[in-house]
Amino acid sequence: MNLELVEGWTSAEQAVAQHAFALAHGRAIQQLITTIQVRGASLNSAEEIWDLHDFLSIERHTIEGRFAFKLDGILFVFASLVKDNLLAIDELSGLEAEKLAKVSAMARF
């Protein structure tokens, strides 16, 4: 992606967005790993294994969809990440004040 050509975003803001996005993705993956470790430690039947498989399939679909980086609509994604405690508003420092205000406002709902 040519960072200079995305309307409404400076190259510095795009770098902040990509970094914040990567942080949140890493946290989501770490949460998933922890969940798998807990669930995996208590597997006692084939049915529980298949349930874990189904859970992982859903999580993969969710994470891959949520973490496809596109600046179009990214403020909504950031708001959901803040709401889900995968990202803190201060980790978006460097975005213009209006963008930060939008993320903060949307994260409250």
N, C-alpha and C. Protein backbone atom coordinates (compact mmCIF):
# COMPACT_ATOMS: atom_id res chain seq x y z
N MET A 1 0.85 -1.18 0.00
CA MET A 1 0.00 0.00 0.00
C MET A 1 0.89 1.23 0.00
N ASN A 2 0.62 2.18 -0.85
CA ASN A 2 1.34 3.43 -0.88
C ASN A 2 0.74 4.33 0.20
N LEU A 3 1.50 4.56 1.26
CA LEU A 3 0.98 5.30 2.41
C LEU A 3 0.63 6.74 2.10
N GLU A 4 1.21 7.31 1.08
CA GLU A 4 0.96 8.71 0.76
C GLU A 4 -0.36 8.94 0.03
N LEU A 5 -0.98 7.89 -0.47
CA LEU A 5 -2.14 8.07 -1.34
C LEU A 5 -3.49 7.85 -0.66
N VAL A 6 -3.51 7.49 0.62
CA VAL A 6 -4.77 7.23 1.30
C VAL A 6 -5.33 8.56 1.80
N GLU A 7 -6.47 8.93 1.23
CA GLU A 7 -7.08 10.23 1.53
C GLU A 7 -7.49 10.31 3.00
N GLY A 8 -7.16 11.43 3.62
CA GLY A 8 -7.56 11.68 4.99
C GLY A 8 -6.60 11.12 6.03
N TRP A 9 -5.54 10.48 5.59
CA TRP A 9 -4.57 9.89 6.51
C TRP A 9 -3.16 10.31 6.11
N THR A 10 -2.44 10.88 7.04
CA THR A 10 -1.03 11.19 6.78
C THR A 10 -0.24 9.90 6.89
N SER A 11 0.97 9.91 6.37
CA SER A 11 1.80 8.71 6.47
C SER A 11 2.10 8.40 7.93
N ALA A 12 2.27 9.43 8.76
CA ALA A 12 2.52 9.20 10.20
C ALA A 12 1.31 8.55 10.85
N GLU A 13 0.11 9.01 10.50
CA GLU A 13 -1.11 8.42 11.07
C GLU A 13 -1.27 6.98 10.61
N GLN A 14 -0.94 6.70 9.39
CA GLN A 14 -1.04 5.34 8.88
C GLN A 14 -0.08 4.42 9.62
N ALA A 15 1.10 4.92 9.93
CA ALA A 15 2.07 4.13 10.69
C ALA A 15 1.55 3.86 12.09
N VAL A 16 0.95 4.86 12.73
CA VAL A 16 0.36 4.69 14.07
C VAL A 16 -0.75 3.64 14.00
N ALA A 17 -1.60 3.74 12.99
CA ALA A 17 -2.73 2.81 12.84
C ALA A 17 -2.22 1.38 12.64
N GLN A 18 -1.23 1.21 11.79
CA GLN A 18 -0.70 -0.13 11.54
C GLN A 18 -0.06 -0.72 12.80
N HIS A 19 0.67 0.13 13.55
CA HIS A 19 1.30 -0.34 14.78
C HIS A 19 0.25 -0.73 15.82
N ALA A 20 -0.76 0.10 16.01
CA ALA A 20 -1.83 -0.19 16.96
C ALA A 20 -2.58 -1.46 16.55
N PHE A 21 -2.82 -1.60 15.28
CA PHE A 21 -3.51 -2.77 14.74
C PHE A 21 -2.70 -4.03 15.06
N ALA A 22 -1.39 -3.96 14.85
CA ALA A 22 -0.52 -5.11 15.12
C ALA A 22 -0.51 -5.45 16.61
N LEU A 23 -0.50 -4.44 17.47
CA LEU A 23 -0.56 -4.68 18.92
C LEU A 23 -1.84 -5.43 19.29
N ALA A 24 -2.96 -4.94 18.80
CA ALA A 24 -4.25 -5.55 19.12
C ALA A 24 -4.32 -6.98 18.57
N HIS A 25 -3.82 -7.19 17.38
CA HIS A 25 -3.80 -8.54 16.80
C HIS A 25 -2.99 -9.49 17.67
N GLY A 26 -1.82 -9.04 18.10
CA GLY A 26 -0.99 -9.87 18.97
C GLY A 26 -1.69 -10.21 20.27
N ARG A 27 -2.41 -9.25 20.83
CA ARG A 27 -3.15 -9.51 22.07
C ARG A 27 -4.29 -10.49 21.84
N ALA A 28 -4.99 -10.35 20.73
CA ALA A 28 -6.08 -11.28 20.42
C ALA A 28 -5.55 -12.70 20.26
N ILE A 29 -4.42 -12.83 19.60
CA ILE A 29 -3.81 -14.15 19.42
C ILE A 29 -3.37 -14.71 20.77
N GLN A 30 -2.79 -13.87 21.61
CA GLN A 30 -2.35 -14.34 22.93
C GLN A 30 -3.53 -14.78 23.77
N GLN A 31 -4.64 -14.04 23.71
CA GLN A 31 -5.85 -14.46 24.44
C GLN A 31 -6.34 -15.81 23.93
N LEU A 32 -6.30 -16.00 22.62
CA LEU A 32 -6.72 -17.27 22.04
C LEU A 32 -5.82 -18.41 22.49
N ILE A 33 -4.53 -18.18 22.50
CA ILE A 33 -3.58 -19.20 22.95
C ILE A 33 -3.87 -19.59 24.39
N THR A 34 -4.10 -18.61 25.25
CA THR A 34 -4.41 -18.89 26.65
C THR A 34 -5.69 -19.70 26.77
N THR A 35 -6.70 -19.32 26.02
CA THR A 35 -7.97 -20.06 26.03
C THR A 35 -7.77 -21.50 25.58
N ILE A 36 -6.99 -21.69 24.52
CA ILE A 36 -6.74 -23.04 24.00
C ILE A 36 -5.98 -23.87 25.03
N GLN A 37 -5.01 -23.26 25.69
CA GLN A 37 -4.24 -23.99 26.70
C GLN A 37 -5.14 -24.46 27.84
N VAL A 38 -6.04 -23.59 28.29
CA VAL A 38 -6.95 -23.95 29.37
C VAL A 38 -7.90 -25.06 28.92
N ARG A 39 -8.51 -24.84 27.76
CA ARG A 39 -9.47 -25.84 27.25
C ARG A 39 -8.77 -27.15 26.91
N GLY A 40 -7.59 -27.06 26.33
CA GLY A 40 -6.86 -28.27 25.94
C GLY A 40 -6.43 -29.11 27.12
N ALA A 41 -6.15 -28.46 28.23
CA ALA A 41 -5.70 -29.18 29.42
C ALA A 41 -6.81 -30.04 30.02
N SER A 42 -8.05 -29.73 29.69
CA SER A 42 -9.16 -30.47 30.30
C SER A 42 -9.93 -31.33 29.30
N LEU A 43 -9.34 -31.61 28.16
CA LEU A 43 -10.01 -32.46 27.16
C LEU A 43 -10.10 -33.90 27.68
N ASN A 44 -11.32 -34.43 27.62
CA ASN A 44 -11.52 -35.78 28.13
C ASN A 44 -12.26 -36.70 27.16
N SER A 45 -12.67 -36.17 26.03
CA SER A 45 -13.44 -37.01 25.11
C SER A 45 -13.26 -36.51 23.68
N ALA A 46 -13.63 -37.38 22.77
CA ALA A 46 -13.58 -36.99 21.36
C ALA A 46 -14.52 -35.82 21.11
N GLU A 47 -15.68 -35.84 21.74
CA GLU A 47 -16.65 -34.74 21.58
C GLU A 47 -16.03 -33.41 21.99
N GLU A 48 -15.28 -33.38 23.06
CA GLU A 48 -14.62 -32.14 23.50
C GLU A 48 -13.55 -31.70 22.51
N ILE A 49 -12.88 -32.65 21.89
CA ILE A 49 -11.89 -32.32 20.86
C ILE A 49 -12.59 -31.66 19.67
N TRP A 50 -13.71 -32.25 19.22
CA TRP A 50 -14.42 -31.69 18.07
C TRP A 50 -15.01 -30.32 18.42
N ASP A 51 -15.46 -30.15 19.67
CA ASP A 51 -15.95 -28.84 20.11
C ASP A 51 -14.83 -27.80 20.06
N LEU A 52 -13.63 -28.21 20.48
CA LEU A 52 -12.49 -27.30 20.42
C LEU A 52 -12.17 -26.97 18.96
N HIS A 53 -12.23 -27.96 18.10
CA HIS A 53 -12.00 -27.73 16.67
C HIS A 53 -12.99 -26.71 16.12
N ASP A 54 -14.26 -26.88 16.45
CA ASP A 54 -15.30 -25.94 15.99
C ASP A 54 -15.04 -24.55 16.53
N PHE A 55 -14.69 -24.46 17.80
CA PHE A 55 -14.35 -23.18 18.41
C PHE A 55 -13.20 -22.51 17.67
N LEU A 56 -12.16 -23.27 17.38
CA LEU A 56 -11.00 -22.72 16.68
C LEU A 56 -11.35 -22.26 15.27
N SER A 57 -12.20 -23.00 14.59
CA SER A 57 -12.63 -22.60 13.25
C SER A 57 -13.35 -21.26 13.28
N ILE A 58 -14.23 -21.10 14.26
CA ILE A 58 -14.95 -19.84 14.40
C ILE A 58 -14.00 -18.71 14.75
N GLU A 59 -13.10 -18.96 15.69
CA GLU A 59 -12.14 -17.93 16.10
C GLU A 59 -11.23 -17.52 14.94
N ARG A 60 -10.80 -18.48 14.15
CA ARG A 60 -9.95 -18.16 13.00
C ARG A 60 -10.70 -17.24 12.04
N HIS A 61 -11.92 -17.60 11.72
CA HIS A 61 -12.73 -16.78 10.83
C HIS A 61 -12.92 -15.38 11.40
N THR A 62 -13.21 -15.29 12.68
CA THR A 62 -13.43 -14.00 13.34
C THR A 62 -12.16 -13.16 13.33
N ILE A 63 -11.06 -13.75 13.71
CA ILE A 63 -9.79 -13.00 13.79
C ILE A 63 -9.31 -12.58 12.40
N GLU A 64 -9.38 -13.47 11.44
CA GLU A 64 -8.94 -13.12 10.09
C GLU A 64 -9.80 -12.01 9.50
N GLY A 65 -11.09 -12.03 9.77
CA GLY A 65 -11.97 -10.97 9.28
C GLY A 65 -11.74 -9.65 10.00
N ARG A 66 -11.60 -9.72 11.30
CA ARG A 66 -11.43 -8.51 12.10
C ARG A 66 -10.09 -7.84 11.86
N PHE A 67 -9.08 -8.63 11.60
CA PHE A 67 -7.73 -8.09 11.49
C PHE A 67 -7.21 -8.02 10.06
N ALA A 68 -8.10 -7.79 9.11
CA ALA A 68 -7.68 -7.49 7.74
C ALA A 68 -7.51 -5.97 7.68
N PHE A 69 -6.30 -5.49 7.69
CA PHE A 69 -6.03 -4.05 7.80
C PHE A 69 -6.47 -3.29 6.56
N LYS A 70 -7.44 -2.41 6.76
CA LYS A 70 -7.88 -1.48 5.72
C LYS A 70 -8.23 -0.18 6.43
N LEU A 71 -7.74 0.93 5.93
CA LEU A 71 -8.03 2.21 6.59
C LEU A 71 -9.50 2.59 6.48
N ASP A 72 -10.15 2.15 5.44
CA ASP A 72 -11.57 2.43 5.29
C ASP A 72 -12.32 1.68 6.40
N GLY A 73 -12.92 2.41 7.31
CA GLY A 73 -13.65 1.81 8.43
C GLY A 73 -12.80 1.44 9.62
N ILE A 74 -11.53 1.80 9.60
CA ILE A 74 -10.62 1.40 10.68
C ILE A 74 -11.01 2.02 12.02
N LEU A 75 -11.63 3.20 12.01
CA LEU A 75 -12.01 3.82 13.28
C LEU A 75 -13.05 2.96 14.00
N PHE A 76 -13.96 2.34 13.26
CA PHE A 76 -14.93 1.42 13.86
C PHE A 76 -14.23 0.20 14.45
N VAL A 77 -13.25 -0.30 13.73
CA VAL A 77 -12.49 -1.45 14.21
C VAL A 77 -11.73 -1.07 15.47
N PHE A 78 -11.07 0.08 15.46
CA PHE A 78 -10.36 0.52 16.65
C PHE A 78 -11.29 0.66 17.84
N ALA A 79 -12.48 1.20 17.61
CA ALA A 79 -13.46 1.35 18.70
C ALA A 79 -13.81 -0.01 19.28
N SER A 80 -14.03 -1.00 18.43
CA SER A 80 -14.37 -2.33 18.94
C SER A 80 -13.19 -2.95 19.68
N LEU A 81 -11.98 -2.69 19.20
CA LEU A 81 -10.78 -3.21 19.87
C LEU A 81 -10.59 -2.56 21.24
N VAL A 82 -10.87 -1.26 21.33
CA VAL A 82 -10.79 -0.57 22.62
C VAL A 82 -11.85 -1.14 23.55
N LYS A 83 -13.05 -1.28 23.05
CA LYS A 83 -14.16 -1.81 23.86
C LYS A 83 -13.84 -3.22 24.37
N ASP A 84 -13.17 -4.02 23.57
CA ASP A 84 -12.82 -5.39 23.94
C ASP A 84 -11.50 -5.48 24.71
N ASN A 85 -10.94 -4.34 25.09
CA ASN A 85 -9.69 -4.27 25.85
C ASN A 85 -8.50 -4.89 25.13
N LEU A 86 -8.51 -4.83 23.83
CA LEU A 86 -7.38 -5.29 23.03
C LEU A 86 -6.49 -4.12 22.62
N LEU A 87 -6.97 -2.91 22.86
CA LEU A 87 -6.25 -1.71 22.48
C LEU A 87 -6.66 -0.60 23.44
N ALA A 88 -5.72 0.26 23.78
CA ALA A 88 -5.99 1.42 24.63
C ALA A 88 -5.97 2.66 23.75
N ILE A 89 -6.80 3.62 24.09
CA ILE A 89 -6.86 4.87 23.32
C ILE A 89 -5.48 5.50 23.21
N ASP A 90 -4.71 5.48 24.27
CA ASP A 90 -3.39 6.13 24.22
C ASP A 90 -2.45 5.45 23.23
N GLU A 91 -2.75 4.22 22.83
CA GLU A 91 -1.94 3.55 21.82
C GLU A 91 -2.24 4.05 20.42
N LEU A 92 -3.24 4.91 20.32
CA LEU A 92 -3.57 5.56 19.05
C LEU A 92 -3.04 6.99 19.01
N SER A 93 -2.25 7.33 19.99
CA SER A 93 -1.65 8.66 20.03
C SER A 93 -0.85 8.90 18.75
N GLY A 94 -1.13 10.01 18.13
CA GLY A 94 -0.51 10.33 16.85
C GLY A 94 -1.55 10.48 15.76
N LEU A 95 -2.76 9.97 16.04
CA LEU A 95 -3.88 10.23 15.13
C LEU A 95 -4.41 11.62 15.43
N GLU A 96 -5.01 12.25 14.44
CA GLU A 96 -5.56 13.59 14.68
C GLU A 96 -6.65 13.51 15.76
N ALA A 97 -6.85 14.62 16.45
CA ALA A 97 -7.78 14.67 17.58
C ALA A 97 -9.19 14.22 17.21
N GLU A 98 -9.66 14.59 16.02
CA GLU A 98 -11.01 14.21 15.59
C GLU A 98 -11.15 12.69 15.47
N LYS A 99 -10.14 12.03 14.95
CA LYS A 99 -10.18 10.57 14.83
C LYS A 99 -10.19 9.92 16.21
N LEU A 100 -9.36 10.43 17.11
CA LEU A 100 -9.32 9.89 18.47
C LEU A 100 -10.66 10.08 19.17
N ALA A 101 -11.26 11.24 18.98
CA ALA A 101 -12.56 11.51 19.60
C ALA A 101 -13.62 10.56 19.07
N LYS A 102 -13.59 10.28 17.78
CA LYS A 102 -14.56 9.34 17.19
C LYS A 102 -14.38 7.94 17.77
N VAL A 103 -13.14 7.50 17.87
CA VAL A 103 -12.88 6.17 18.42
C VAL A 103 -13.36 6.10 19.86
N SER A 104 -13.04 7.11 20.65
CA SER A 104 -13.45 7.15 22.07
C SER A 104 -14.96 7.11 22.20
N ALA A 105 -15.63 7.89 21.40
CA ALA A 105 -17.10 7.95 21.46
C ALA A 105 -17.72 6.62 21.07
N MET A 106 -17.25 6.03 19.99
CA MET A 106 -17.81 4.77 19.52
C MET A 106 -17.52 3.61 20.49
N ALA A 107 -16.39 3.69 21.17
CA ALA A 107 -16.00 2.61 22.09
C ALA A 107 -16.91 2.56 23.32
N ARG A 108 -17.64 3.63 23.58
CA ARG A 108 -18.52 3.67 24.75
C ARG A 108 -19.83 2.94 24.51
N PHE A 109 -20.14 2.61 23.27
CA PHE A 109 -21.41 1.95 22.97
C PHE A 109 -21.27 0.48 22.68
